[in-house]
């Protein structure tokens, strides 16, 4: 009897199994074939995701920088403090902003006035060019003197800050000179790799390298 019972269940399951298998076949027809992603394409997707995440983090950092900058501007009490507060926190970015402002201001005045301004940032005067040794530079100094951009101190020349263009250029150069006195070793390393000179505006050669 037991054996007959087992065979009876198997016989009953046979038609049901056939119907179940048929329904599975029908369902399988509706399923799409799994897509196999090419390893190169997969890596590209991972790279794009990484770039997106980095861009998001960068945006968040920029937002925090702007918030800190706004707080500094609100706390500023003088025009000079406002200008300082508006500068980027990152040293290299700050340098580029100050450098660009100086170069823009320098376009309005002659190269010899640039040199007089550098001397002024170093608390010294510009020596009169010797006509016999450099007639062109001597003529340039004479012309700048006639324009009022330079003043004659009897033996040397000085930038005339009474003229707005000269004063603007001096203010920009002074701001850059002050910044360069307090840079970090990391900035100095970057600066040396970029300009092949130390980050020290006391050297005229450094001045010439960054005012172009």
N, C-alpha and C. Protein backbone atom coordinates (compact mmCIF):
# COMPACT_ATOMS: atom_id res chain seq x y z
N UNK A 1 0.82 -1.20 0.00
CA UNK A 1 0.00 0.00 0.00
C UNK A 1 0.86 1.26 0.00
N UNK A 2 1.89 1.24 0.79
CA UNK A 2 2.77 2.41 0.84
C UNK A 2 3.39 2.67 -0.51
N UNK A 3 3.86 1.57 -1.15
CA UNK A 3 4.47 1.74 -2.46
C UNK A 3 3.49 2.27 -3.45
N UNK A 4 2.25 1.76 -3.38
CA UNK A 4 1.22 2.24 -4.30
C UNK A 4 0.95 3.71 -4.07
N UNK A 5 1.01 4.14 -2.77
CA UNK A 5 0.78 5.56 -2.46
C UNK A 5 1.82 6.45 -3.09
N UNK A 6 3.05 6.04 -3.04
CA UNK A 6 4.11 6.85 -3.62
C UNK A 6 3.94 6.98 -5.11
N UNK A 7 3.65 5.91 -5.75
CA UNK A 7 3.46 5.96 -7.20
C UNK A 7 2.26 6.82 -7.55
N UNK A 8 1.24 6.81 -6.67
CA UNK A 8 0.07 7.63 -6.94
C UNK A 8 0.39 9.11 -6.91
N UNK A 9 1.22 9.55 -5.95
CA UNK A 9 1.63 10.96 -5.86
C UNK A 9 2.46 11.37 -7.05
N UNK A 10 3.36 10.48 -7.44
CA UNK A 10 4.20 10.78 -8.60
C UNK A 10 3.36 10.93 -9.85
N UNK A 11 2.35 10.04 -9.95
CA UNK A 11 1.48 10.12 -11.12
C UNK A 11 0.68 11.41 -11.13
N UNK A 12 0.25 11.86 -9.90
CA UNK A 12 -0.52 13.10 -9.81
C UNK A 12 0.36 14.31 -10.12
N UNK A 13 1.64 14.28 -9.72
CA UNK A 13 2.56 15.42 -9.91
C UNK A 13 2.98 15.57 -11.36
N UNK A 14 2.95 14.48 -12.11
CA UNK A 14 3.38 14.53 -13.51
C UNK A 14 2.69 15.62 -14.32
N UNK A 15 1.35 15.64 -14.37
CA UNK A 15 0.66 16.70 -15.15
C UNK A 15 0.95 18.08 -14.61
N UNK A 16 1.03 18.22 -13.28
CA UNK A 16 1.32 19.55 -12.68
C UNK A 16 2.73 20.02 -13.04
N UNK A 17 3.65 19.09 -13.05
CA UNK A 17 5.03 19.45 -13.43
C UNK A 17 5.09 19.92 -14.86
N UNK A 18 4.33 19.27 -15.70
CA UNK A 18 4.32 19.66 -17.11
C UNK A 18 3.75 21.07 -17.27
N UNK A 19 2.64 21.35 -16.51
CA UNK A 19 2.05 22.70 -16.60
C UNK A 19 3.01 23.76 -16.04
N UNK A 20 3.71 23.42 -14.94
CA UNK A 20 4.65 24.38 -14.32
C UNK A 20 5.83 24.68 -15.26
N UNK A 21 6.35 23.63 -15.88
CA UNK A 21 7.45 23.82 -16.81
C UNK A 21 7.02 24.64 -18.01
N UNK A 22 5.77 24.42 -18.46
CA UNK A 22 5.25 25.20 -19.59
C UNK A 22 5.13 26.67 -19.22
N UNK A 23 4.67 26.95 -17.98
CA UNK A 23 4.52 28.35 -17.55
C UNK A 23 5.88 29.02 -17.39
N UNK A 24 6.87 28.26 -16.92
CA UNK A 24 8.23 28.80 -16.80
C UNK A 24 8.77 29.16 -18.17
N UNK A 25 8.52 28.31 -19.14
CA UNK A 25 8.97 28.61 -20.51
C UNK A 25 8.34 29.89 -21.02
N UNK A 26 7.05 30.09 -20.72
CA UNK A 26 6.37 31.31 -21.17
C UNK A 26 6.97 32.54 -20.50
N UNK A 27 7.26 32.44 -19.21
CA UNK A 27 7.86 33.56 -18.50
C UNK A 27 9.26 33.87 -19.02
N UNK A 28 9.98 32.81 -19.36
CA UNK A 28 11.35 32.99 -19.84
C UNK A 28 11.39 33.75 -21.15
N UNK A 29 10.34 33.57 -21.95
CA UNK A 29 10.28 34.28 -23.24
C UNK A 29 10.21 35.79 -23.04
N UNK A 30 9.57 36.21 -21.93
CA UNK A 30 9.39 37.64 -21.67
C UNK A 30 10.62 38.29 -21.03
N UNK A 31 11.54 37.47 -20.57
CA UNK A 31 12.74 38.02 -19.92
C UNK A 31 13.79 38.37 -20.97
N UNK A 32 14.42 39.56 -20.77
CA UNK A 32 15.48 39.97 -21.68
C UNK A 32 16.76 39.20 -21.37
N UNK A 33 17.58 39.07 -22.38
CA UNK A 33 18.86 38.38 -22.19
C UNK A 33 19.78 39.27 -21.35
N UNK A 34 20.37 38.78 -20.29
CA UNK A 34 21.27 39.60 -19.46
C UNK A 34 22.37 40.22 -20.31
N UNK A 35 22.59 41.53 -20.08
CA UNK A 35 23.62 42.23 -20.85
C UNK A 35 24.99 42.05 -20.19
N UNK A 36 25.95 41.64 -20.97
CA UNK A 36 27.32 41.47 -20.47
C UNK A 36 28.09 42.76 -20.77
N UNK A 37 28.54 43.47 -19.70
CA UNK A 37 29.22 44.75 -19.86
C UNK A 37 30.68 44.52 -20.19
N UNK A 38 31.13 45.19 -21.20
CA UNK A 38 32.52 45.11 -21.60
C UNK A 38 33.40 45.68 -20.48
N UNK A 39 34.51 45.02 -20.13
CA UNK A 39 35.37 45.52 -19.04
C UNK A 39 35.83 46.96 -19.25
N UNK A 40 36.12 47.34 -20.48
CA UNK A 40 36.56 48.71 -20.76
C UNK A 40 35.43 49.70 -20.48
N UNK A 41 34.22 49.32 -20.92
CA UNK A 41 33.07 50.20 -20.69
C UNK A 41 32.78 50.31 -19.20
N UNK A 42 32.93 49.19 -18.48
CA UNK A 42 32.71 49.19 -17.04
C UNK A 42 33.69 50.13 -16.34
N UNK A 43 34.96 50.11 -16.76
CA UNK A 43 35.97 50.98 -16.18
C UNK A 43 35.67 52.45 -16.47
N UNK A 44 35.16 52.71 -17.68
CA UNK A 44 34.80 54.07 -18.05
C UNK A 44 33.66 54.58 -17.18
N UNK A 45 32.70 53.72 -16.90
CA UNK A 45 31.59 54.10 -16.03
C UNK A 45 32.09 54.39 -14.61
N UNK A 46 33.02 53.56 -14.13
CA UNK A 46 33.60 53.80 -12.80
C UNK A 46 34.36 55.12 -12.76
N UNK A 47 35.09 55.41 -13.82
CA UNK A 47 35.86 56.67 -13.89
C UNK A 47 34.92 57.87 -13.90
N UNK A 48 33.83 57.74 -14.66
CA UNK A 48 32.85 58.85 -14.73
C UNK A 48 32.20 59.08 -13.38
N UNK A 49 31.91 57.99 -12.68
CA UNK A 49 31.34 58.11 -11.34
C UNK A 49 32.32 58.78 -10.39
N UNK A 50 33.59 58.40 -10.49
CA UNK A 50 34.63 59.00 -9.64
C UNK A 50 34.76 60.49 -9.93
N UNK A 51 34.75 60.86 -11.22
CA UNK A 51 34.85 62.28 -11.60
C UNK A 51 33.66 63.07 -11.06
N UNK A 52 32.48 62.46 -11.14
CA UNK A 52 31.28 63.13 -10.65
C UNK A 52 31.35 63.35 -9.15
N UNK A 53 31.83 62.33 -8.42
CA UNK A 53 31.96 62.45 -6.97
C UNK A 53 32.99 63.52 -6.60
N UNK A 54 34.11 63.56 -7.34
CA UNK A 54 35.14 64.57 -7.07
C UNK A 54 34.63 65.97 -7.37
N UNK A 55 33.86 66.11 -8.45
CA UNK A 55 33.30 67.42 -8.80
C UNK A 55 32.33 67.88 -7.72
N UNK A 56 31.55 66.93 -7.19
CA UNK A 56 30.62 67.27 -6.12
C UNK A 56 31.36 67.72 -4.87
N UNK A 57 32.43 66.99 -4.51
CA UNK A 57 33.22 67.39 -3.34
C UNK A 57 33.86 68.76 -3.56
N UNK A 58 34.35 69.00 -4.79
CA UNK A 58 34.96 70.29 -5.11
C UNK A 58 33.94 71.41 -4.97
N UNK A 59 32.71 71.17 -5.44
CA UNK A 59 31.66 72.18 -5.34
C UNK A 59 31.33 72.48 -3.88
N UNK A 60 31.30 71.43 -3.07
CA UNK A 60 31.03 71.61 -1.64
C UNK A 60 32.14 72.42 -0.98
N UNK A 61 33.39 72.13 -1.37
CA UNK A 61 34.52 72.89 -0.82
C UNK A 61 34.46 74.35 -1.26
N UNK A 62 34.11 74.58 -2.53
CA UNK A 62 33.99 75.95 -3.03
C UNK A 62 32.91 76.71 -2.27
N UNK A 63 31.81 76.03 -1.97
CA UNK A 63 30.73 76.66 -1.24
C UNK A 63 31.17 77.05 0.16
N UNK A 64 31.91 76.16 0.82
CA UNK A 64 32.42 76.48 2.16
C UNK A 64 33.41 77.64 2.10
N UNK A 65 34.24 77.67 1.06
CA UNK A 65 35.19 78.78 0.91
C UNK A 65 34.45 80.10 0.74
N UNK A 66 33.39 80.08 -0.05
CA UNK A 66 32.61 81.30 -0.27
C UNK A 66 31.94 81.76 1.03
N UNK A 67 31.46 80.81 1.81
CA UNK A 67 30.82 81.17 3.08
C UNK A 67 31.83 81.83 4.02
N UNK A 68 33.04 81.24 4.10
CA UNK A 68 34.08 81.84 4.95
C UNK A 68 34.49 83.21 4.41
N UNK A 69 34.58 83.33 3.08
CA UNK A 69 34.95 84.60 2.47
C UNK A 69 33.91 85.67 2.78
N UNK A 70 32.64 85.32 2.68
CA UNK A 70 31.57 86.28 2.97
C UNK A 70 31.63 86.76 4.42
N UNK A 71 31.96 85.84 5.33
CA UNK A 71 32.08 86.22 6.74
C UNK A 71 33.22 87.20 6.94
N UNK A 72 34.35 86.97 6.23
CA UNK A 72 35.49 87.89 6.35
C UNK A 72 35.14 89.27 5.78
N UNK A 73 34.41 89.29 4.68
CA UNK A 73 34.03 90.56 4.06
C UNK A 73 33.10 91.35 4.98
N UNK A 74 32.14 90.64 5.58
CA UNK A 74 31.20 91.31 6.50
C UNK A 74 31.94 91.87 7.70
N UNK A 75 32.97 91.16 8.17
CA UNK A 75 33.73 91.60 9.35
C UNK A 75 34.73 92.71 9.03
N UNK A 76 35.04 92.91 7.74
CA UNK A 76 36.02 93.92 7.35
C UNK A 76 35.51 95.33 7.66
N UNK A 77 36.45 96.19 8.06
CA UNK A 77 36.07 97.56 8.44
C UNK A 77 36.64 98.62 7.51
N UNK A 78 37.64 98.28 6.72
CA UNK A 78 38.24 99.23 5.79
C UNK A 78 38.22 98.64 4.38
N UNK A 79 38.44 99.52 3.38
CA UNK A 79 38.47 99.07 1.99
C UNK A 79 39.60 98.07 1.76
N UNK A 80 40.72 98.29 2.42
CA UNK A 80 41.85 97.37 2.28
C UNK A 80 41.52 96.00 2.86
N UNK A 81 40.81 95.98 3.99
CA UNK A 81 40.42 94.72 4.60
C UNK A 81 39.40 93.98 3.72
N UNK A 82 38.54 94.73 3.05
CA UNK A 82 37.56 94.12 2.15
C UNK A 82 38.27 93.46 0.98
N UNK A 83 39.26 94.16 0.40
CA UNK A 83 40.02 93.60 -0.72
C UNK A 83 40.76 92.34 -0.28
N UNK A 84 41.32 92.37 0.92
CA UNK A 84 42.04 91.21 1.44
C UNK A 84 41.08 90.03 1.66
N UNK A 85 39.91 90.35 2.21
CA UNK A 85 38.93 89.29 2.49
C UNK A 85 38.38 88.66 1.23
N UNK A 86 38.36 89.41 0.14
CA UNK A 86 37.80 88.91 -1.11
C UNK A 86 38.75 87.98 -1.87
N UNK A 87 39.99 87.90 -1.43
CA UNK A 87 40.97 87.05 -2.11
C UNK A 87 40.73 85.57 -1.77
N UNK A 88 41.07 84.67 -2.68
CA UNK A 88 40.93 83.24 -2.41
C UNK A 88 41.82 82.79 -1.25
N UNK A 89 41.42 81.73 -0.57
CA UNK A 89 42.23 81.20 0.52
C UNK A 89 43.43 80.42 0.00
N UNK A 90 43.25 79.70 -1.09
CA UNK A 90 44.32 78.90 -1.65
C UNK A 90 45.47 79.80 -2.09
N UNK A 91 46.70 79.46 -1.71
CA UNK A 91 47.85 80.33 -1.98
C UNK A 91 48.09 80.54 -3.48
N UNK A 92 48.03 79.47 -4.24
CA UNK A 92 48.32 79.59 -5.67
C UNK A 92 47.23 80.42 -6.36
N UNK A 93 45.99 80.19 -5.99
CA UNK A 93 44.89 80.98 -6.56
C UNK A 93 45.03 82.45 -6.17
N UNK A 94 45.40 82.67 -4.92
CA UNK A 94 45.58 84.06 -4.44
C UNK A 94 46.70 84.75 -5.22
N UNK A 95 47.79 84.02 -5.41
CA UNK A 95 48.91 84.56 -6.18
C UNK A 95 48.46 84.96 -7.58
N UNK A 96 47.73 84.09 -8.25
CA UNK A 96 47.30 84.37 -9.62
C UNK A 96 46.38 85.60 -9.67
N UNK A 97 45.51 85.75 -8.69
CA UNK A 97 44.62 86.92 -8.65
C UNK A 97 45.44 88.20 -8.48
N UNK A 98 46.38 88.18 -7.53
CA UNK A 98 47.21 89.36 -7.29
C UNK A 98 48.12 89.65 -8.47
N UNK A 99 48.68 88.63 -9.06
CA UNK A 99 49.54 88.80 -10.23
C UNK A 99 48.76 89.39 -11.40
N UNK A 100 47.56 88.87 -11.65
CA UNK A 100 46.74 89.37 -12.75
C UNK A 100 46.37 90.83 -12.56
N UNK A 101 46.05 91.20 -11.32
CA UNK A 101 45.71 92.60 -11.03
C UNK A 101 46.90 93.51 -11.29
N UNK A 102 48.10 93.06 -10.92
CA UNK A 102 49.30 93.86 -11.14
C UNK A 102 49.61 93.99 -12.64
N UNK A 103 49.55 92.89 -13.37
CA UNK A 103 49.84 92.93 -14.80
C UNK A 103 48.85 93.85 -15.52
N UNK A 104 47.59 93.77 -15.13
CA UNK A 104 46.57 94.63 -15.74
C UNK A 104 46.88 96.10 -15.48
N UNK A 105 47.27 96.42 -14.25
CA UNK A 105 47.58 97.82 -13.91
C UNK A 105 48.85 98.29 -14.62
N UNK A 106 49.80 97.39 -14.79
CA UNK A 106 51.07 97.75 -15.42
C UNK A 106 50.93 98.08 -16.90
N UNK A 107 49.87 97.60 -17.53
CA UNK A 107 49.68 97.89 -18.95
C UNK A 107 49.48 99.39 -19.21
N UNK A 108 49.12 100.13 -18.18
CA UNK A 108 48.82 101.56 -18.34
C UNK A 108 50.06 102.44 -18.18
N UNK A 109 51.18 101.83 -17.78
CA UNK A 109 52.39 102.63 -17.54
C UNK A 109 53.57 101.96 -18.23
N UNK A 110 54.66 102.69 -18.38
CA UNK A 110 55.83 102.20 -19.11
C UNK A 110 56.69 101.29 -18.24
N UNK A 111 57.51 100.43 -18.87
CA UNK A 111 58.34 99.48 -18.13
C UNK A 111 59.27 100.13 -17.11
N UNK A 112 59.76 101.32 -17.40
CA UNK A 112 60.68 101.93 -16.43
C UNK A 112 59.94 102.37 -15.17
N UNK A 113 58.65 102.67 -15.32
CA UNK A 113 57.84 102.98 -14.14
C UNK A 113 57.59 101.70 -13.34
N UNK A 114 57.49 100.57 -14.05
CA UNK A 114 57.39 99.28 -13.35
C UNK A 114 58.58 99.12 -12.41
N UNK A 115 59.75 99.41 -12.94
CA UNK A 115 60.97 99.24 -12.16
C UNK A 115 61.02 100.20 -10.98
N UNK A 116 60.53 101.41 -11.21
CA UNK A 116 60.49 102.38 -10.10
C UNK A 116 59.54 101.89 -9.01
N UNK A 117 58.44 101.25 -9.43
CA UNK A 117 57.48 100.71 -8.46
C UNK A 117 58.10 99.56 -7.69
N UNK A 118 58.82 98.67 -8.37
CA UNK A 118 59.49 97.58 -7.65
C UNK A 118 60.45 98.14 -6.61
N UNK A 119 61.24 99.14 -7.00
CA UNK A 119 62.16 99.76 -6.05
C UNK A 119 61.40 100.34 -4.86
N UNK A 120 60.26 100.91 -5.13
CA UNK A 120 59.47 101.52 -4.05
C UNK A 120 58.94 100.46 -3.09
N UNK A 121 58.56 99.29 -3.62
CA UNK A 121 58.11 98.21 -2.74
C UNK A 121 59.25 97.70 -1.86
N UNK A 122 60.48 97.94 -2.29
CA UNK A 122 61.66 97.53 -1.52
C UNK A 122 62.26 98.69 -0.74
N UNK A 123 61.50 99.80 -0.66
CA UNK A 123 61.93 100.99 0.09
C UNK A 123 63.24 101.57 -0.44
N UNK A 124 63.35 101.62 -1.75
CA UNK A 124 64.53 102.22 -2.36
C UNK A 124 64.11 102.98 -3.63
N UNK A 125 65.05 103.73 -4.21
CA UNK A 125 64.77 104.54 -5.39
C UNK A 125 65.41 103.93 -6.63
N UNK A 126 64.92 104.36 -7.77
CA UNK A 126 65.44 103.87 -9.05
C UNK A 126 66.58 104.78 -9.51
N UNK A 127 67.69 104.18 -9.82
CA UNK A 127 68.84 104.96 -10.30
C UNK A 127 68.57 105.48 -11.71
N UNK A 128 68.96 106.72 -11.94
CA UNK A 128 68.81 107.31 -13.27
C UNK A 128 69.60 106.47 -14.29
N UNK A 129 68.97 106.09 -15.39
CA UNK A 129 69.72 105.36 -16.43
C UNK A 129 70.80 106.24 -17.04
N UNK A 130 71.96 105.66 -17.29
CA UNK A 130 73.08 106.41 -17.86
C UNK A 130 72.88 106.53 -19.37
N UNK A 131 72.83 107.78 -19.86
CA UNK A 131 72.54 108.02 -21.28
C UNK A 131 73.56 107.36 -22.20
N UNK A 132 74.82 107.37 -21.80
CA UNK A 132 75.86 106.81 -22.65
C UNK A 132 75.80 105.28 -22.70
N UNK A 133 75.32 104.65 -21.63
CA UNK A 133 75.27 103.20 -21.56
C UNK A 133 73.95 102.64 -22.10
N UNK A 134 72.87 103.36 -21.90
CA UNK A 134 71.56 102.88 -22.36
C UNK A 134 70.70 104.09 -22.72
N UNK A 135 70.91 104.57 -23.93
CA UNK A 135 70.23 105.79 -24.38
C UNK A 135 68.71 105.57 -24.41
N UNK A 136 68.27 104.39 -24.86
CA UNK A 136 66.84 104.12 -24.96
C UNK A 136 66.16 104.18 -23.60
N UNK A 137 66.75 103.58 -22.60
CA UNK A 137 66.17 103.58 -21.26
C UNK A 137 66.22 104.98 -20.65
N UNK A 138 67.28 105.71 -20.95
CA UNK A 138 67.38 107.09 -20.47
C UNK A 138 66.26 107.93 -21.07
N UNK A 139 65.99 107.74 -22.37
CA UNK A 139 64.92 108.48 -23.04
C UNK A 139 63.56 108.09 -22.46
N UNK A 140 63.40 106.81 -22.14
CA UNK A 140 62.14 106.33 -21.54
C UNK A 140 61.91 106.98 -20.18
N UNK A 141 62.99 107.09 -19.41
CA UNK A 141 62.88 107.73 -18.09
C UNK A 141 62.54 109.20 -18.23
N UNK A 142 63.15 109.86 -19.20
CA UNK A 142 62.88 111.28 -19.44
C UNK A 142 61.43 111.49 -19.83
N UNK A 143 60.90 110.61 -20.69
CA UNK A 143 59.50 110.72 -21.11
C UNK A 143 58.54 110.48 -19.94
N UNK A 144 58.83 109.47 -19.11
CA UNK A 144 57.99 109.19 -17.95
C UNK A 144 58.03 110.34 -16.96
N UNK A 145 59.17 110.98 -16.86
CA UNK A 145 59.32 112.14 -15.99
C UNK A 145 58.46 113.29 -16.50
N UNK A 146 58.46 113.49 -17.81
CA UNK A 146 57.65 114.55 -18.42
C UNK A 146 56.17 114.26 -18.26
N UNK A 147 55.79 112.97 -18.32
CA UNK A 147 54.39 112.60 -18.15
C UNK A 147 53.93 112.74 -16.71
N UNK A 148 54.88 112.79 -15.80
CA UNK A 148 54.56 112.90 -14.39
C UNK A 148 54.50 111.56 -13.67
N UNK A 149 54.75 110.48 -14.39
CA UNK A 149 54.71 109.16 -13.76
C UNK A 149 55.92 108.89 -12.88
N UNK A 150 57.00 109.64 -13.12
CA UNK A 150 58.19 109.58 -12.27
C UNK A 150 58.49 110.96 -11.73
N UNK A 151 59.15 110.99 -10.59
CA UNK A 151 59.62 112.25 -10.02
C UNK A 151 61.13 112.16 -9.83
N UNK A 152 61.82 113.26 -10.07
CA UNK A 152 63.27 113.32 -9.95
C UNK A 152 63.64 113.75 -8.53
N UNK A 153 64.41 112.93 -7.86
CA UNK A 153 64.85 113.25 -6.50
C UNK A 153 66.27 113.82 -6.51
N UNK A 154 66.66 114.43 -7.62
CA UNK A 154 67.96 115.02 -7.87
C UNK A 154 68.99 113.96 -8.31
N UNK A 155 69.06 112.86 -7.61
CA UNK A 155 70.01 111.81 -7.98
C UNK A 155 69.32 110.55 -8.52
N UNK A 156 68.10 110.31 -8.06
CA UNK A 156 67.39 109.08 -8.42
C UNK A 156 65.97 109.41 -8.88
N UNK A 157 65.24 108.36 -9.22
CA UNK A 157 63.86 108.51 -9.67
C UNK A 157 62.92 107.74 -8.73
N UNK A 158 61.70 108.25 -8.61
CA UNK A 158 60.71 107.59 -7.77
C UNK A 158 59.37 107.59 -8.49
N UNK A 159 58.54 106.57 -8.22
CA UNK A 159 57.20 106.52 -8.80
C UNK A 159 56.34 107.62 -8.19
N UNK A 160 55.60 108.31 -9.05
CA UNK A 160 54.76 109.42 -8.59
C UNK A 160 53.34 108.91 -8.34
N UNK A 161 53.02 108.69 -7.08
CA UNK A 161 51.74 108.10 -6.72
C UNK A 161 50.59 109.09 -6.81
N UNK A 162 50.87 110.33 -7.17
CA UNK A 162 49.79 111.30 -7.34
C UNK A 162 48.98 110.99 -8.60
N UNK A 163 49.57 110.24 -9.53
CA UNK A 163 48.86 109.86 -10.74
C UNK A 163 48.10 108.54 -10.48
N UNK A 164 46.79 108.51 -10.75
CA UNK A 164 45.97 107.33 -10.45
C UNK A 164 46.51 106.02 -11.04
N UNK A 165 46.97 106.07 -12.29
CA UNK A 165 47.47 104.83 -12.92
C UNK A 165 48.70 104.30 -12.20
N UNK A 166 49.58 105.20 -11.79
CA UNK A 166 50.79 104.80 -11.07
C UNK A 166 50.44 104.30 -9.68
N UNK A 167 49.51 104.98 -9.03
CA UNK A 167 49.10 104.60 -7.68
C UNK A 167 48.42 103.23 -7.69
N UNK A 168 47.59 102.98 -8.71
CA UNK A 168 46.92 101.68 -8.84
C UNK A 168 47.95 100.56 -9.04
N UNK A 169 48.93 100.83 -9.89
CA UNK A 169 49.97 99.82 -10.16
C UNK A 169 50.80 99.56 -8.91
N UNK A 170 51.13 100.60 -8.17
CA UNK A 170 51.92 100.44 -6.95
C UNK A 170 51.13 99.65 -5.91
N UNK A 171 49.83 99.96 -5.75
CA UNK A 171 49.00 99.25 -4.78
C UNK A 171 48.93 97.76 -5.11
N UNK A 172 48.81 97.44 -6.40
CA UNK A 172 48.75 96.04 -6.82
C UNK A 172 50.09 95.34 -6.58
N UNK A 173 51.18 96.03 -6.90
CA UNK A 173 52.51 95.45 -6.69
C UNK A 173 52.81 95.27 -5.20
N UNK A 174 52.39 96.23 -4.39
CA UNK A 174 52.61 96.16 -2.95
C UNK A 174 51.85 94.99 -2.34
N UNK A 175 50.60 94.80 -2.79
CA UNK A 175 49.79 93.69 -2.28
C UNK A 175 50.45 92.35 -2.60
N UNK A 176 50.99 92.24 -3.81
CA UNK A 176 51.67 91.01 -4.20
C UNK A 176 52.96 90.82 -3.39
N UNK A 177 53.69 91.90 -3.18
CA UNK A 177 54.94 91.83 -2.42
C UNK A 177 54.69 91.40 -0.97
N UNK A 178 53.62 91.92 -0.37
CA UNK A 178 53.27 91.55 1.00
C UNK A 178 52.90 90.07 1.07
N UNK A 179 52.12 89.62 0.10
CA UNK A 179 51.73 88.21 0.06
C UNK A 179 52.95 87.31 -0.06
N UNK A 180 53.89 87.70 -0.94
CA UNK A 180 55.06 86.85 -1.20
C UNK A 180 55.98 86.72 0.01
N UNK A 181 55.88 87.61 0.96
CA UNK A 181 56.73 87.54 2.15
C UNK A 181 56.27 86.47 3.14
N UNK A 182 55.02 85.98 2.97
CA UNK A 182 54.45 85.08 3.97
C UNK A 182 54.01 83.74 3.39
N UNK A 183 54.57 83.35 2.24
CA UNK A 183 54.14 82.12 1.61
C UNK A 183 54.70 80.89 2.33
N UNK A 184 54.04 79.78 2.15
CA UNK A 184 54.46 78.53 2.77
C UNK A 184 55.55 77.85 1.95
N UNK A 185 56.26 76.90 2.54
CA UNK A 185 57.26 76.14 1.78
C UNK A 185 56.64 75.42 0.57
N UNK A 186 55.39 74.98 0.71
CA UNK A 186 54.72 74.30 -0.38
C UNK A 186 54.52 75.24 -1.56
N UNK A 187 54.16 76.49 -1.27
CA UNK A 187 54.00 77.46 -2.36
C UNK A 187 55.34 77.77 -2.99
N UNK A 188 56.37 77.92 -2.18
CA UNK A 188 57.70 78.21 -2.71
C UNK A 188 58.16 77.09 -3.65
N UNK A 189 57.85 75.86 -3.28
CA UNK A 189 58.23 74.73 -4.13
C UNK A 189 57.50 74.80 -5.46
N UNK A 190 56.18 75.11 -5.40
CA UNK A 190 55.41 75.25 -6.64
C UNK A 190 55.95 76.41 -7.48
N UNK A 191 56.25 77.52 -6.83
CA UNK A 191 56.72 78.72 -7.52
C UNK A 191 58.04 78.45 -8.24
N UNK A 192 58.94 77.74 -7.57
CA UNK A 192 60.24 77.41 -8.18
C UNK A 192 60.05 76.53 -9.41
N UNK A 193 59.14 75.58 -9.33
CA UNK A 193 58.90 74.70 -10.47
C UNK A 193 58.24 75.45 -11.63
N UNK A 194 57.47 76.48 -11.29
CA UNK A 194 56.74 77.24 -12.31
C UNK A 194 57.61 78.30 -12.98
N UNK A 195 58.44 78.99 -12.20
CA UNK A 195 59.21 80.13 -12.71
C UNK A 195 60.73 79.92 -12.66
N UNK A 196 61.16 78.85 -12.04
CA UNK A 196 62.59 78.54 -11.94
C UNK A 196 63.35 79.60 -11.15
N UNK A 197 62.68 80.24 -10.21
CA UNK A 197 63.29 81.22 -9.31
C UNK A 197 62.62 81.06 -7.94
N UNK A 198 63.26 81.51 -6.86
CA UNK A 198 62.63 81.42 -5.54
C UNK A 198 61.50 82.43 -5.40
N UNK A 199 60.59 82.16 -4.50
CA UNK A 199 59.46 83.05 -4.27
C UNK A 199 59.88 84.21 -3.36
N UNK A 200 60.73 85.06 -3.90
CA UNK A 200 61.27 86.18 -3.12
C UNK A 200 61.36 87.41 -4.01
N UNK A 201 60.46 88.36 -3.80
CA UNK A 201 60.41 89.55 -4.65
C UNK A 201 61.50 90.56 -4.33
N UNK A 202 62.36 90.24 -3.39
CA UNK A 202 63.49 91.14 -3.14
C UNK A 202 64.51 91.04 -4.27
N UNK A 203 64.40 89.98 -5.06
CA UNK A 203 65.28 89.81 -6.21
C UNK A 203 64.60 90.38 -7.45
N UNK A 204 65.29 91.25 -8.15
CA UNK A 204 64.74 91.89 -9.35
C UNK A 204 64.41 90.85 -10.42
N UNK A 205 65.21 89.81 -10.50
CA UNK A 205 64.99 88.77 -11.50
C UNK A 205 63.64 88.08 -11.29
N UNK A 206 63.26 87.91 -10.03
CA UNK A 206 61.96 87.30 -9.71
C UNK A 206 60.84 88.22 -10.15
N UNK A 207 61.02 89.49 -9.88
CA UNK A 207 60.05 90.52 -10.28
C UNK A 207 59.84 90.50 -11.78
N UNK A 208 60.92 90.45 -12.52
CA UNK A 208 60.82 90.42 -13.99
C UNK A 208 60.12 89.17 -14.49
N UNK A 209 60.29 88.06 -13.74
CA UNK A 209 59.70 86.80 -14.19
C UNK A 209 58.17 86.78 -14.05
N UNK A 210 57.62 87.47 -13.06
CA UNK A 210 56.18 87.37 -12.81
C UNK A 210 55.37 88.56 -13.31
N UNK A 211 56.04 89.61 -13.78
CA UNK A 211 55.28 90.79 -14.22
C UNK A 211 54.94 90.77 -15.70
N UNK A 212 55.28 89.66 -16.36
CA UNK A 212 55.00 89.57 -17.81
C UNK A 212 53.53 89.19 -18.03
